[in-house]
Structure formats: structure tokens, C-alpha cells
Amino acid sequence: MACFQFLIGIVHFFDAACVCEQYQREKGYFSKREPVAIFKRPESAVVIWKQWFTETQGEFAAEMVLVSQNGKYLVDHVMVF
């Protein structure tokens, strides 16, 4: 579960497992990643990277929104498209 290792610690265990299973069925495992940009806001940040998969050709865009709550950054959502 390579994608689980990437997601561990940034999303809830159950959510990470469901997302990984769906992506693995449709596209294979997460493989190479390449950072693209980080956008900082007063109460949040957005991280964007190129994402490749083992069973699907081409480049995908991935983004993660982090929000600040009680001095910690928490994952609001992660999307790959």
C-alpha cells in the first residue's frame, strides 16, 4: 500500500484506506511525484504536485489544502485529477 504510506499522518486512517483502494483499482499505485507549487494564506496553505500512477499513462495534478486550527495544520482535503 504505497499510497497509504504517503497519506499516513495527514488524513484519518479510514479515509486514507478508502481513497487508496479506489485509486489502486482505477489507476494503480501512486508512483513518482513532482512538487509544483505551494500557496500560503493566513489560515491555510495549498500544496500542488504532479502525480503519476503505475497502471495509467500520463501526468495527473494533485492538490492538498491544509487549514490552521489551534496552532496545527490539518488536512481539509486532497484531490487528484
C-alpha atoms as a PDB file:
ATOM      1  CA  MET A   1       0.000   0.000   0.000  1.00  0.00           C
ATOM      2  CA  ALA A   2       2.432   2.649  -1.206  1.00  0.00           C
ATOM      3  CA  CYS A   3      -0.217   5.365  -1.278  1.00  0.00           C
ATOM      4  CA  PHE A   4      -1.126   4.627   2.334  1.00  0.00           C
ATOM      5  CA  GLN A   5       2.461   5.377   3.364  1.00  0.00           C
ATOM      6  CA  PHE A   6       2.194   8.756   1.614  1.00  0.00           C
ATOM      7  CA  LEU A   7      -1.148   9.635   3.223  1.00  0.00           C
ATOM      8  CA  ILE A   8      -0.478   8.335   6.732  1.00  0.00           C
ATOM      9  CA  GLY A   9      -0.412  11.137   9.231  1.00  0.00           C
ATOM     10  CA  ILE A  10      -2.231  13.639   7.031  1.00  0.00           C
ATOM     11  CA  VAL A  11      -5.699  12.121   6.841  1.00  0.00           C
ATOM     12  CA  HIS A  12      -7.798   9.865   9.034  1.00  0.00           C
ATOM     13  CA  PHE A  13      -6.860   6.168   8.682  1.00  0.00           C
ATOM     14  CA  PHE A  14     -10.262   5.053   7.360  1.00  0.00           C
ATOM     15  CA  ASP A  15     -10.423   7.860   4.780  1.00  0.00           C
ATOM     16  CA  ALA A  16      -6.874   7.168   3.584  1.00  0.00           C
ATOM     17  CA  ALA A  17      -7.604   3.453   3.165  1.00  0.00           C
ATOM     18  CA  CYS A  18     -10.788   4.117   1.136  1.00  0.00           C
ATOM     19  CA  VAL A  19      -9.097   6.633  -1.141  1.00  0.00           C
ATOM     20  CA  CYS A  20      -6.109   4.342  -1.698  1.00  0.00           C
ATOM     21  CA  GLU A  21      -8.284   1.377  -2.574  1.00  0.00           C
ATOM     22  CA  GLN A  22     -10.265   3.424  -5.099  1.00  0.00           C
ATOM     23  CA  TYR A  23      -7.175   4.867  -6.809  1.00  0.00           C
ATOM     24  CA  GLN A  24      -5.448   1.475  -6.870  1.00  0.00           C
ATOM     25  CA  ARG A  25      -8.450  -0.140  -8.604  1.00  0.00           C
ATOM     26  CA  GLU A  26      -8.740   2.660 -11.168  1.00  0.00           C
ATOM     27  CA  LYS A  27      -5.155   3.789 -11.806  1.00  0.00           C
ATOM     28  CA  GLY A  28      -2.717   1.544  -9.972  1.00  0.00           C
ATOM     29  CA  TYR A  29      -0.412   2.674  -7.189  1.00  0.00           C
ATOM     30  CA  PHE A  30       0.921   6.190  -6.667  1.00  0.00           C
ATOM     31  CA  SER A  31       4.405   6.391  -8.118  1.00  0.00           C
ATOM     32  CA  LYS A  32       6.568   9.400  -8.962  1.00  0.00           C
ATOM     33  CA  ARG A  33       5.657  12.864  -7.571  1.00  0.00           C
ATOM     34  CA  GLU A  34       6.992  16.260  -8.577  1.00  0.00           C
ATOM     35  CA  PRO A  35       6.281  19.408  -6.493  1.00  0.00           C
ATOM     36  CA  VAL A  36       4.669  22.228  -8.469  1.00  0.00           C
ATOM     37  CA  ALA A  37       3.672  25.000  -6.042  1.00  0.00           C
ATOM     38  CA  ILE A  38       2.755  25.995  -2.503  1.00  0.00           C
ATOM     39  CA  PHE A  39       0.300  28.823  -1.947  1.00  0.00           C
ATOM     40  CA  LYS A  40       0.209  30.331   1.549  1.00  0.00           C
ATOM     41  CA  ARG A  41      -2.800  32.056   3.058  1.00  0.00           C
ATOM     42  CA  PRO A  42      -3.266  33.498   6.558  1.00  0.00           C
ATOM     43  CA  GLU A  43      -5.228  30.465   7.820  1.00  0.00           C
ATOM     44  CA  SER A  44      -4.396  27.802   5.230  1.00  0.00           C
ATOM     45  CA  ALA A  45      -1.985  26.553   2.594  1.00  0.00           C
ATOM     46  CA  VAL A  46      -2.391  24.728  -0.723  1.00  0.00           C
ATOM     47  CA  VAL A  47       0.190  22.218  -1.961  1.00  0.00           C
ATOM     48  CA  ILE A  48       0.107  21.197  -5.640  1.00  0.00           C
ATOM     49  CA  TRP A  49       2.183  18.457  -7.261  1.00  0.00           C
ATOM     50  CA  LYS A  50       2.319  16.317 -10.410  1.00  0.00           C
ATOM     51  CA  GLN A  51       1.348  12.728  -9.663  1.00  0.00           C
ATOM     52  CA  TRP A  52       1.982   9.590 -11.705  1.00  0.00           C
ATOM     53  CA  PHE A  53       0.412   6.132 -11.303  1.00  0.00           C
ATOM     54  CA  THR A  54       1.768   2.655 -12.026  1.00  0.00           C
ATOM     55  CA  GLU A  55      -1.077   1.463 -14.291  1.00  0.00           C
ATOM     56  CA  THR A  56      -2.241   4.668 -16.032  1.00  0.00           C
ATOM     57  CA  GLN A  57      -0.292   6.727 -18.542  1.00  0.00           C
ATOM     58  CA  GLY A  58       0.143  10.481 -18.251  1.00  0.00           C
ATOM     59  CA  GLU A  59       0.556  13.163 -15.649  1.00  0.00           C
ATOM     60  CA  PHE A  60      -2.096  13.977 -13.069  1.00  0.00           C
ATOM     61  CA  ALA A  61      -2.426  17.054 -10.880  1.00  0.00           C
ATOM     62  CA  ALA A  62      -2.814  16.600  -7.154  1.00  0.00           C
ATOM     63  CA  GLU A  63      -3.668  19.190  -4.542  1.00  0.00           C
ATOM     64  CA  MET A  64      -3.943  19.251  -0.772  1.00  0.00           C
ATOM     65  CA  VAL A  65      -5.490  22.037   1.293  1.00  0.00           C
ATOM     66  CA  LEU A  66      -4.169  22.447   4.831  1.00  0.00           C
ATOM     67  CA  VAL A  67      -6.065  24.570   7.364  1.00  0.00           C
ATOM     68  CA  SER A  68      -4.774  26.034  10.606  1.00  0.00           C
ATOM     69  CA  GLN A  69      -6.692  25.037  13.746  1.00  0.00           C
ATOM     70  CA  ASN A  70      -5.430  25.587  17.282  1.00  0.00           C
ATOM     71  CA  GLY A  71      -1.839  26.045  16.136  1.00  0.00           C
ATOM     72  CA  LYS A  72      -1.767  22.894  13.986  1.00  0.00           C
ATOM     73  CA  TYR A  73      -2.194  22.408  10.254  1.00  0.00           C
ATOM     74  CA  LEU A  74      -4.843  19.813   9.400  1.00  0.00           C
ATOM     75  CA  VAL A  75      -5.764  18.381   6.016  1.00  0.00           C
ATOM     76  CA  ASP A  76      -9.044  19.784   4.732  1.00  0.00           C
ATOM     77  CA  HIS A  77      -8.982  17.677   1.572  1.00  0.00           C
ATOM     78  CA  VAL A  78      -6.767  16.046  -1.038  1.00  0.00           C
ATOM     79  CA  MET A  79      -7.719  15.661  -4.694  1.00  0.00           C
ATOM     80  CA  VAL A  80      -6.113  14.040  -7.729  1.00  0.00           C
ATOM     81  CA  PHE A  81      -7.404  14.946 -11.177  1.00  0.00           C
END
